[in-house]
Amino acid sequence: MNKRDLVEKIAEDAHLTKVQAGRALEALVEGVQNSLSRGDRVALAGLGTFALTDRKARFVRAPKGGAAIQIPARRVARFTPGIELKAAIGAAPEKPATA
């Protein structure tokens, strides 16, 4: 499903025009982006949580030539699905960590 398909689905289910549904989806995306850029978490009940995590700097090997390349540290957005989403897609339950 792409953005256009999602807008059509929202418009159909919420009895909105495609323009209104597109604006609503844009507002959602903008709200998530703004919250993450401020360092806030975004939790959507029934869907999941968007949050920022820090990635450490690391060295990797270039596929061509095998030279070591350093990738700098950075912040990345992560999405953690909620229980309802996991159940809806039939995700396997997480295995408890063993020591």
PDB file of N, CA and C in Angstrom:
ATOM      1  N   MET A   1       0.861  -1.173   0.000  1.00  0.00           N
ATOM      2  CA  MET A   1       0.000   0.000   0.000  1.00  0.00           C
ATOM      3  C   MET A   1       0.899   1.225   0.000  1.00  0.00           C
ATOM      4  N   ASN A   2       0.632   2.154  -0.890  1.00  0.00           N
ATOM      5  CA  ASN A   2       1.394   3.393  -0.911  1.00  0.00           C
ATOM      6  C   ASN A   2       0.530   4.532  -0.362  1.00  0.00           C
ATOM      7  N   LYS A   3       1.079   5.739  -0.394  1.00  0.00           N
ATOM      8  CA  LYS A   3       0.383   6.877   0.207  1.00  0.00           C
ATOM      9  C   LYS A   3      -0.962   7.131  -0.479  1.00  0.00           C
ATOM     10  N   ARG A   4      -0.992   7.034  -1.788  1.00  0.00           N
ATOM     11  CA  ARG A   4      -2.243   7.277  -2.526  1.00  0.00           C
ATOM     12  C   ARG A   4      -3.304   6.262  -2.118  1.00  0.00           C
ATOM     13  N   ASP A   5      -2.915   5.001  -2.000  1.00  0.00           N
ATOM     14  CA  ASP A   5      -3.857   3.960  -1.580  1.00  0.00           C
ATOM     15  C   ASP A   5      -4.370   4.231  -0.172  1.00  0.00           C
ATOM     16  N   LEU A   6      -3.480   4.668   0.694  1.00  0.00           N
ATOM     17  CA  LEU A   6      -3.869   4.961   2.075  1.00  0.00           C
ATOM     18  C   LEU A   6      -4.838   6.140   2.125  1.00  0.00           C
ATOM     19  N   VAL A   7      -4.584   7.174   1.337  1.00  0.00           N
ATOM     20  CA  VAL A   7      -5.499   8.320   1.281  1.00  0.00           C
ATOM     21  C   VAL A   7      -6.876   7.873   0.806  1.00  0.00           C
ATOM     22  N   GLU A   8      -6.921   7.028  -0.219  1.00  0.00           N
ATOM     23  CA  GLU A   8      -8.205   6.522  -0.714  1.00  0.00           C
ATOM     24  C   GLU A   8      -8.936   5.724   0.361  1.00  0.00           C
ATOM     25  N   LYS A   9      -8.212   4.896   1.109  1.00  0.00           N
ATOM     26  CA  LYS A   9      -8.810   4.086   2.178  1.00  0.00           C
ATOM     27  C   LYS A   9      -9.364   4.976   3.293  1.00  0.00           C
ATOM     28  N   ILE A  10      -8.584   5.986   3.675  1.00  0.00           N
ATOM     29  CA  ILE A  10      -9.039   6.918   4.722  1.00  0.00           C
ATOM     30  C   ILE A  10     -10.281   7.654   4.251  1.00  0.00           C
ATOM     31  N   ALA A  11     -10.260   8.145   3.017  1.00  0.00           N
ATOM     32  CA  ALA A  11     -11.405   8.885   2.475  1.00  0.00           C
ATOM     33  C   ALA A  11     -12.659   8.022   2.466  1.00  0.00           C
ATOM     34  N   GLU A  12     -12.507   6.774   2.049  1.00  0.00           N
ATOM     35  CA  GLU A  12     -13.651   5.857   1.981  1.00  0.00           C
ATOM     36  C   GLU A  12     -14.197   5.534   3.372  1.00  0.00           C
ATOM     37  N   ASP A  13     -13.298   5.177   4.300  1.00  0.00           N
ATOM     38  CA  ASP A  13     -13.734   4.755   5.631  1.00  0.00           C
ATOM     39  C   ASP A  13     -14.276   5.902   6.479  1.00  0.00           C
ATOM     40  N   ALA A  14     -13.711   7.096   6.324  1.00  0.00           N
ATOM     41  CA  ALA A  14     -14.118   8.238   7.147  1.00  0.00           C
ATOM     42  C   ALA A  14     -15.124   9.137   6.443  1.00  0.00           C
ATOM     43  N   HIS A  15     -15.559   8.731   5.243  1.00  0.00           N
ATOM     44  CA  HIS A  15     -16.521   9.525   4.463  1.00  0.00           C
ATOM     45  C   HIS A  15     -16.017  10.951   4.261  1.00  0.00           C
ATOM     46  N   LEU A  16     -14.766  11.051   3.792  1.00  0.00           N
ATOM     47  CA  LEU A  16     -14.143  12.328   3.485  1.00  0.00           C
ATOM     48  C   LEU A  16     -13.816  12.367   1.999  1.00  0.00           C
ATOM     49  N   THR A  17     -13.516  13.564   1.519  1.00  0.00           N
ATOM     50  CA  THR A  17     -13.000  13.647   0.156  1.00  0.00           C
ATOM     51  C   THR A  17     -11.534  13.216   0.192  1.00  0.00           C
ATOM     52  N   LYS A  18     -10.991  12.890  -0.971  1.00  0.00           N
ATOM     53  CA  LYS A  18      -9.586  12.498  -1.029  1.00  0.00           C
ATOM     54  C   LYS A  18      -8.674  13.655  -0.619  1.00  0.00           C
ATOM     55  N   VAL A  19      -9.085  14.872  -0.932  1.00  0.00           N
ATOM     56  CA  VAL A  19      -8.301  16.051  -0.542  1.00  0.00           C
ATOM     57  C   VAL A  19      -8.265  16.163   0.984  1.00  0.00           C
ATOM     58  N   GLN A  20      -9.407  16.012   1.626  1.00  0.00           N
ATOM     59  CA  GLN A  20      -9.461  16.088   3.085  1.00  0.00           C
ATOM     60  C   GLN A  20      -8.658  14.962   3.719  1.00  0.00           C
ATOM     61  N   ALA A  21      -8.772  13.769   3.184  1.00  0.00           N
ATOM     62  CA  ALA A  21      -8.025  12.628   3.716  1.00  0.00           C
ATOM     63  C   ALA A  21      -6.528  12.840   3.525  1.00  0.00           C
ATOM     64  N   GLY A  22      -6.136  13.394   2.391  1.00  0.00           N
ATOM     65  CA  GLY A  22      -4.728  13.691   2.140  1.00  0.00           C
ATOM     66  C   GLY A  22      -4.190  14.708   3.125  1.00  0.00           C
ATOM     67  N   ARG A  23      -4.971  15.729   3.416  1.00  0.00           N
ATOM     68  CA  ARG A  23      -4.561  16.748   4.403  1.00  0.00           C
ATOM     69  C   ARG A  23      -4.434  16.132   5.796  1.00  0.00           C
ATOM     70  N   ALA A  24      -5.356  15.246   6.145  1.00  0.00           N
ATOM     71  CA  ALA A  24      -5.305  14.588   7.450  1.00  0.00           C
ATOM     72  C   ALA A  24      -4.051  13.726   7.566  1.00  0.00           C
ATOM     73  N   LEU A  25      -3.750  12.985   6.524  1.00  0.00           N
ATOM     74  CA  LEU A  25      -2.549  12.145   6.542  1.00  0.00           C
ATOM     75  C   LEU A  25      -1.288  12.998   6.611  1.00  0.00           C
ATOM     76  N   GLU A  26      -1.240  14.093   5.858  1.00  0.00           N
ATOM     77  CA  GLU A  26      -0.095  15.005   5.907  1.00  0.00           C
ATOM     78  C   GLU A  26       0.064  15.596   7.307  1.00  0.00           C
ATOM     79  N   ALA A  27      -1.050  15.952   7.951  1.00  0.00           N
ATOM     80  CA  ALA A  27      -0.996  16.499   9.302  1.00  0.00           C
ATOM     81  C   ALA A  27      -0.434  15.471  10.286  1.00  0.00           C
ATOM     82  N   LEU A  28      -0.829  14.209  10.122  1.00  0.00           N
ATOM     83  CA  LEU A  28      -0.309  13.146  10.979  1.00  0.00           C
ATOM     84  C   LEU A  28       1.202  12.995  10.796  1.00  0.00           C
ATOM     85  N   VAL A  29       1.634  12.916   9.545  1.00  0.00           N
ATOM     86  CA  VAL A  29       3.059  12.746   9.259  1.00  0.00           C
ATOM     87  C   VAL A  29       3.859  13.934   9.793  1.00  0.00           C
ATOM     88  N   GLU A  30       3.357  15.140   9.564  1.00  0.00           N
ATOM     89  CA  GLU A  30       4.041  16.345  10.048  1.00  0.00           C
ATOM     90  C   GLU A  30       4.106  16.368  11.571  1.00  0.00           C
ATOM     91  N   GLY A  31       3.031  15.957  12.218  1.00  0.00           N
ATOM     92  CA  GLY A  31       3.013  15.912  13.682  1.00  0.00           C
ATOM     93  C   GLY A  31       4.027  14.925  14.231  1.00  0.00           C
ATOM     94  N   VAL A  32       4.131  13.760  13.613  1.00  0.00           N
ATOM     95  CA  VAL A  32       5.113  12.763  14.048  1.00  0.00           C
ATOM     96  C   VAL A  32       6.527  13.303  13.831  1.00  0.00           C
ATOM     97  N   GLN A  33       6.782  13.888  12.658  1.00  0.00           N
ATOM     98  CA  GLN A  33       8.104  14.446  12.369  1.00  0.00           C
ATOM     99  C   GLN A  33       8.483  15.537  13.362  1.00  0.00           C
ATOM    100  N   ASN A  34       7.561  16.447  13.636  1.00  0.00           N
ATOM    101  CA  ASN A  34       7.845  17.538  14.573  1.00  0.00           C
ATOM    102  C   ASN A  34       8.123  17.018  15.975  1.00  0.00           C
ATOM    103  N   SER A  35       7.332  16.065  16.424  1.00  0.00           N
ATOM    104  CA  SER A  35       7.536  15.503  17.761  1.00  0.00           C
ATOM    105  C   SER A  35       8.880  14.795  17.864  1.00  0.00           C
ATOM    106  N   LEU A  36       9.224  13.998  16.854  1.00  0.00           N
ATOM    107  CA  LEU A  36      10.508  13.302  16.881  1.00  0.00           C
ATOM    108  C   LEU A  36      11.672  14.275  16.807  1.00  0.00           C
ATOM    109  N   SER A  37      11.531  15.341  16.029  1.00  0.00           N
ATOM    110  CA  SER A  37      12.626  16.312  15.926  1.00  0.00           C
ATOM    111  C   SER A  37      12.860  17.034  17.254  1.00  0.00           C
ATOM    112  N   ARG A  38      11.825  17.134  18.095  1.00  0.00           N
ATOM    113  CA  ARG A  38      11.982  17.712  19.438  1.00  0.00           C
ATOM    114  C   ARG A  38      12.490  16.681  20.439  1.00  0.00           C
ATOM    115  N   GLY A  39      12.574  15.425  20.025  1.00  0.00           N
ATOM    116  CA  GLY A  39      13.045  14.372  20.922  1.00  0.00           C
ATOM    117  C   GLY A  39      11.930  13.670  21.673  1.00  0.00           C
ATOM    118  N   ASP A  40      10.675  13.955  21.321  1.00  0.00           N
ATOM    119  CA  ASP A  40       9.533  13.334  21.987  1.00  0.00           C
ATOM    120  C   ASP A  40       9.206  11.986  21.356  1.00  0.00           C
ATOM    121  N   ARG A  41       8.585  11.114  22.129  1.00  0.00           N
ATOM    122  CA  ARG A  41       8.038   9.856  21.615  1.00  0.00           C
ATOM    123  C   ARG A  41       6.636  10.121  21.106  1.00  0.00           C
ATOM    124  N   VAL A  42       6.196   9.316  20.141  1.00  0.00           N
ATOM    125  CA  VAL A  42       4.827   9.399  19.639  1.00  0.00           C
ATOM    126  C   VAL A  42       4.211   8.015  19.785  1.00  0.00           C
ATOM    127  N   ALA A  43       3.230   7.892  20.667  1.00  0.00           N
ATOM    128  CA  ALA A  43       2.562   6.612  20.899  1.00  0.00           C
ATOM    129  C   ALA A  43       1.147   6.697  20.340  1.00  0.00           C
ATOM    130  N   LEU A  44       0.822   5.794  19.425  1.00  0.00           N
ATOM    131  CA  LEU A  44      -0.507   5.732  18.837  1.00  0.00           C
ATOM    132  C   LEU A  44      -1.155   4.430  19.292  1.00  0.00           C
ATOM    133  N   ALA A  45      -2.166   4.550  20.148  1.00  0.00           N
ATOM    134  CA  ALA A  45      -2.826   3.369  20.692  1.00  0.00           C
ATOM    135  C   ALA A  45      -3.366   2.512  19.558  1.00  0.00           C
ATOM    136  N   GLY A  46      -3.111   1.227  19.627  1.00  0.00           N
ATOM    137  CA  GLY A  46      -3.571   0.301  18.620  1.00  0.00           C
ATOM    138  C   GLY A  46      -2.605   0.138  17.463  1.00  0.00           C
ATOM    139  N   LEU A  47      -1.617   1.029  17.356  1.00  0.00           N
ATOM    140  CA  LEU A  47      -0.667   0.956  16.255  1.00  0.00           C
ATOM    141  C   LEU A  47       0.742   0.685  16.764  1.00  0.00           C
ATOM    142  N   GLY A  48       1.278   1.620  17.528  1.00  0.00           N
ATOM    143  CA  GLY A  48       2.629   1.434  18.045  1.00  0.00           C
ATOM    144  C   GLY A  48       3.250   2.747  18.466  1.00  0.00           C
ATOM    145  N   THR A  49       4.578   2.731  18.629  1.00  0.00           N
ATOM    146  CA  THR A  49       5.302   3.882  19.141  1.00  0.00           C
ATOM    147  C   THR A  49       6.465   4.234  18.223  1.00  0.00           C
ATOM    148  N   PHE A  50       6.582   5.518  17.921  1.00  0.00           N
ATOM    149  CA  PHE A  50       7.736   6.056  17.199  1.00  0.00           C
ATOM    150  C   PHE A  50       8.641   6.700  18.243  1.00  0.00           C
ATOM    151  N   ALA A  51       9.925   6.419  18.196  1.00  0.00           N
ATOM    152  CA  ALA A  51      10.868   7.003  19.145  1.00  0.00           C
ATOM    153  C   ALA A  51      12.229   7.138  18.483  1.00  0.00           C
ATOM    154  N   LEU A  52      13.065   7.981  19.046  1.00  0.00           N
ATOM    155  CA  LEU A  52      14.426   8.155  18.561  1.00  0.00           C
ATOM    156  C   LEU A  52      15.378   7.303  19.375  1.00  0.00           C
ATOM    157  N   THR A  53      16.368   6.746  18.706  1.00  0.00           N
ATOM    158  CA  THR A  53      17.435   6.035  19.390  1.00  0.00           C
ATOM    159  C   THR A  53      18.761   6.519  18.830  1.00  0.00           C
ATOM    160  N   ASP A  54      19.805   6.361  19.606  1.00  0.00           N
ATOM    161  CA  ASP A  54      21.136   6.764  19.179  1.00  0.00           C
ATOM    162  C   ASP A  54      21.883   5.549  18.661  1.00  0.00           C
ATOM    163  N   ARG A  55      22.508   5.708  17.517  1.00  0.00           N
ATOM    164  CA  ARG A  55      23.351   4.663  16.951  1.00  0.00           C
ATOM    165  C   ARG A  55      24.797   5.056  17.176  1.00  0.00           C
ATOM    166  N   LYS A  56      25.592   4.125  17.655  1.00  0.00           N
ATOM    167  CA  LYS A  56      27.005   4.389  17.886  1.00  0.00           C
ATOM    168  C   LYS A  56      27.745   4.454  16.558  1.00  0.00           C
ATOM    169  N   ALA A  57      28.872   5.156  16.569  1.00  0.00           N
ATOM    170  CA  ALA A  57      29.749   5.144  15.400  1.00  0.00           C
ATOM    171  C   ALA A  57      30.322   3.734  15.270  1.00  0.00           C
ATOM    172  N   ARG A  58      30.555   3.319  14.037  1.00  0.00           N
ATOM    173  CA  ARG A  58      31.076   1.966  13.847  1.00  0.00           C
ATOM    174  C   ARG A  58      31.875   1.889  12.551  1.00  0.00           C
ATOM    175  N   PHE A  59      32.676   0.848  12.465  1.00  0.00           N
ATOM    176  CA  PHE A  59      33.447   0.600  11.256  1.00  0.00           C
ATOM    177  C   PHE A  59      32.801  -0.551  10.501  1.00  0.00           C
ATOM    178  N   VAL A  60      32.755  -0.422   9.176  1.00  0.00           N
ATOM    179  CA  VAL A  60      32.247  -1.483   8.320  1.00  0.00           C
ATOM    180  C   VAL A  60      33.251  -1.707   7.193  1.00  0.00           C
ATOM    181  N   ARG A  61      33.136  -2.823   6.536  1.00  0.00           N
ATOM    182  CA  ARG A  61      33.992  -3.124   5.390  1.00  0.00           C
ATOM    183  C   ARG A  61      33.241  -2.802   4.104  1.00  0.00           C
ATOM    184  N   ALA A  62      33.906  -2.084   3.216  1.00  0.00           N
ATOM    185  CA  ALA A  62      33.318  -1.768   1.923  1.00  0.00           C
ATOM    186  C   ALA A  62      33.238  -3.054   1.105  1.00  0.00           C
ATOM    187  N   PRO A  63      32.117  -3.303   0.443  1.00  0.00           N
ATOM    188  CA  PRO A  63      31.989  -4.527  -0.336  1.00  0.00           C
ATOM    189  C   PRO A  63      33.009  -4.588  -1.484  1.00  0.00           C
ATOM    190  N   LYS A  64      33.336  -3.437  -2.007  1.00  0.00           N
ATOM    191  CA  LYS A  64      34.282  -3.385  -3.122  1.00  0.00           C
ATOM    192  C   LYS A  64      35.647  -2.988  -2.565  1.00  0.00           C
ATOM    193  N   GLY A  65      36.571  -3.894  -2.493  1.00  0.00           N
ATOM    194  CA  GLY A  65      37.908  -3.590  -2.027  1.00  0.00           C
ATOM    195  C   GLY A  65      38.158  -3.938  -0.580  1.00  0.00           C
ATOM    196  N   GLY A  66      37.129  -4.013   0.242  1.00  0.00           N
ATOM    197  CA  GLY A  66      37.281  -4.406   1.634  1.00  0.00           C
ATOM    198  C   GLY A  66      37.879  -3.352   2.548  1.00  0.00           C
ATOM    199  N   ALA A  67      37.947  -2.098   2.096  1.00  0.00           N
ATOM    200  CA  ALA A  67      38.497  -1.038   2.947  1.00  0.00           C
ATOM    201  C   ALA A  67      37.569  -0.761   4.121  1.00  0.00           C
ATOM    202  N   ALA A  68      38.155  -0.411   5.270  1.00  0.00           N
ATOM    203  CA  ALA A  68      37.363  -0.073   6.454  1.00  0.00           C
ATOM    204  C   ALA A  68      36.819   1.345   6.300  1.00  0.00           C
ATOM    205  N   ILE A  69      35.524   1.489   6.545  1.00  0.00           N
ATOM    206  CA  ILE A  69      34.869   2.795   6.451  1.00  0.00           C
ATOM    207  C   ILE A  69      34.194   3.063   7.791  1.00  0.00           C
ATOM    208  N   GLN A  70      34.379   4.289   8.294  1.00  0.00           N
ATOM    209  CA  GLN A  70      33.722   4.640   9.550  1.00  0.00           C
ATOM    210  C   GLN A  70      32.378   5.289   9.258  1.00  0.00           C
ATOM    211  N   ILE A  71      31.344   4.781   9.912  1.00  0.00           N
ATOM    212  CA  ILE A  71      30.014   5.370   9.840  1.00  0.00           C
ATOM    213  C   ILE A  71      29.828   6.163  11.125  1.00  0.00           C
ATOM    214  N   PRO A  72      29.542   7.459  11.026  1.00  0.00           N
ATOM    215  CA  PRO A  72      29.439   8.287  12.227  1.00  0.00           C
ATOM    216  C   PRO A  72      28.202   7.953  13.075  1.00  0.00           C
ATOM    217  N   ALA A  73      28.242   8.344  14.332  1.00  0.00           N
ATOM    218  CA  ALA A  73      27.095   8.178  15.230  1.00  0.00           C
ATOM    219  C   ALA A  73      25.967   9.071  14.732  1.00  0.00           C
ATOM    220  N   ARG A  74      24.734   8.619  14.954  1.00  0.00           N
ATOM    221  CA  ARG A  74      23.587   9.427  14.550  1.00  0.00           C
ATOM    222  C   ARG A  74      22.343   8.967  15.288  1.00  0.00           C
ATOM    223  N   ARG A  75      21.313   9.797  15.218  1.00  0.00           N
ATOM    224  CA  ARG A  75      20.024   9.464  15.798  1.00  0.00           C
ATOM    225  C   ARG A  75      19.132   8.927  14.690  1.00  0.00           C
ATOM    226  N   VAL A  76      18.394   7.878  14.995  1.00  0.00           N
ATOM    227  CA  VAL A  76      17.498   7.278  14.013  1.00  0.00           C
ATOM    228  C   VAL A  76      16.112   7.089  14.618  1.00  0.00           C
ATOM    229  N   ALA A  77      15.105   7.161  13.772  1.00  0.00           N
ATOM    230  CA  ALA A  77      13.727   6.927  14.212  1.00  0.00           C
ATOM    231  C   ALA A  77      13.470   5.429  14.198  1.00  0.00           C
ATOM    232  N   ARG A  78      12.801   4.946  15.215  1.00  0.00           N
ATOM    233  CA  ARG A  78      12.434   3.529  15.316  1.00  0.00           C
ATOM    234  C   ARG A  78      10.929   3.440  15.535  1.00  0.00           C
ATOM    235  N   PHE A  79      10.348   2.389  14.997  1.00  0.00           N
ATOM    236  CA  PHE A  79       8.931   2.120  15.221  1.00  0.00           C
ATOM    237  C   PHE A  79       8.814   0.787  15.923  1.00  0.00           C
ATOM    238  N   THR A  80       8.088   0.770  17.022  1.00  0.00           N
ATOM    239  CA  THR A  80       7.826  -0.460  17.759  1.00  0.00           C
ATOM    240  C   THR A  80       6.331  -0.734  17.664  1.00  0.00           C
ATOM    241  N   PRO A  81       5.933  -1.829  17.027  1.00  0.00           N
ATOM    242  CA  PRO A  81       4.501  -2.110  16.900  1.00  0.00           C
ATOM    243  C   PRO A  81       3.866  -2.406  18.253  1.00  0.00           C
ATOM    244  N   GLY A  82       2.616  -2.006  18.384  1.00  0.00           N
ATOM    245  CA  GLY A  82       1.863  -2.264  19.604  1.00  0.00           C
ATOM    246  C   GLY A  82       1.297  -3.674  19.612  1.00  0.00           C
ATOM    247  N   ILE A  83       0.745  -4.064  20.730  1.00  0.00           N
ATOM    248  CA  ILE A  83       0.196  -5.405  20.904  1.00  0.00           C
ATOM    249  C   ILE A  83      -0.928  -5.673  19.909  1.00  0.00           C
ATOM    250  N   GLU A  84      -1.813  -4.673  19.697  1.00  0.00           N
ATOM    251  CA  GLU A  84      -2.943  -4.865  18.784  1.00  0.00           C
ATOM    252  C   GLU A  84      -2.452  -5.086  17.357  1.00  0.00           C
ATOM    253  N   LEU A  85      -1.432  -4.347  16.925  1.00  0.00           N
ATOM    254  CA  LEU A  85      -0.890  -4.513  15.582  1.00  0.00           C
ATOM    255  C   LEU A  85      -0.226  -5.878  15.434  1.00  0.00           C
ATOM    256  N   LYS A  86       0.525  -6.277  16.443  1.00  0.00           N
ATOM    257  CA  LYS A  86       1.162  -7.593  16.403  1.00  0.00           C
ATOM    258  C   LYS A  86       0.115  -8.698  16.284  1.00  0.00           C
ATOM    259  N   ALA A  87      -0.962  -8.570  17.044  1.00  0.00           N
ATOM    260  CA  ALA A  87      -2.023  -9.577  16.995  1.00  0.00           C
ATOM    261  C   ALA A  87      -2.717  -9.581  15.632  1.00  0.00           C
ATOM    262  N   ALA A  88      -2.905  -8.394  15.059  1.00  0.00           N
ATOM    263  CA  ALA A  88      -3.601  -8.284  13.782  1.00  0.00           C
ATOM    264  C   ALA A  88      -2.814  -8.916  12.638  1.00  0.00           C
ATOM    265  N   ILE A  89      -1.510  -8.831  12.701  1.00  0.00           N
ATOM    266  CA  ILE A  89      -0.703  -9.394  11.618  1.00  0.00           C
ATOM    267  C   ILE A  89      -0.226 -10.799  11.934  1.00  0.00           C
ATOM    268  N   GLY A  90      -0.571 -11.293  13.106  1.00  0.00           N
ATOM    269  CA  GLY A  90      -0.218 -12.659  13.460  1.00  0.00           C
ATOM    270  C   GLY A  90       1.251 -12.831  13.766  1.00  0.00           C
ATOM    271  N   ALA A  91       1.882 -11.792  14.325  1.00  0.00           N
ATOM    272  CA  ALA A  91       3.301 -11.876  14.660  1.00  0.00           C
ATOM    273  C   ALA A  91       3.514 -12.900  15.747  1.00  0.00           C
ATOM    274  N   ALA A  92       4.614 -13.614  15.629  1.00  0.00           N
ATOM    275  CA  ALA A  92       4.964 -14.603  16.640  1.00  0.00           C
ATOM    276  C   ALA A  92       5.284 -13.883  17.949  1.00  0.00           C
ATOM    277  N   PRO A  93       4.874 -14.436  19.072  1.00  0.00           N
ATOM    278  CA  PRO A  93       5.180 -13.792  20.352  1.00  0.00           C
ATOM    279  C   PRO A  93       6.689 -13.766  20.574  1.00  0.00           C
ATOM    280  N   GLU A  94       7.140 -12.705  21.236  1.00  0.00           N
ATOM    281  CA  GLU A  94       8.569 -12.587  21.515  1.00  0.00           C
ATOM    282  C   GLU A  94       8.999 -13.646  22.509  1.00  0.00           C
ATOM    283  N   LYS A  95      10.159 -14.221  22.267  1.00  0.00           N
ATOM    284  CA  LYS A  95      10.702 -15.216  23.174  1.00  0.00           C
ATOM    285  C   LYS A  95      11.391 -14.505  24.328  1.00  0.00           C
ATOM    286  N   PRO A  96      11.177 -14.974  25.552  1.00  0.00           N
ATOM    287  CA  PRO A  96      11.852 -14.345  26.671  1.00  0.00           C
ATOM    288  C   PRO A  96      13.361 -14.562  26.581  1.00  0.00           C
ATOM    289  N   ALA A  97      14.103 -13.561  26.988  1.00  0.00           N
ATOM    290  CA  ALA A  97      15.569 -13.668  26.957  1.00  0.00           C
ATOM    291  C   ALA A  97      16.036 -14.651  28.005  1.00  0.00           C
ATOM    292  N   THR A  98      16.961 -15.495  27.626  1.00  0.00           N
ATOM    293  CA  THR A  98      17.522 -16.453  28.576  1.00  0.00           C
ATOM    294  C   THR A  98      18.942 -16.065  28.885  1.00  0.00           C
ATOM    295  N   ALA A  99      19.344 -16.247  30.106  1.00  0.00           N
ATOM    296  CA  ALA A  99      20.688 -15.847  30.513  1.00  0.00           C
ATOM    297  C   ALA A  99      21.671 -16.968  30.373  1.00  0.00           C
TER     298      ALA A  99
END
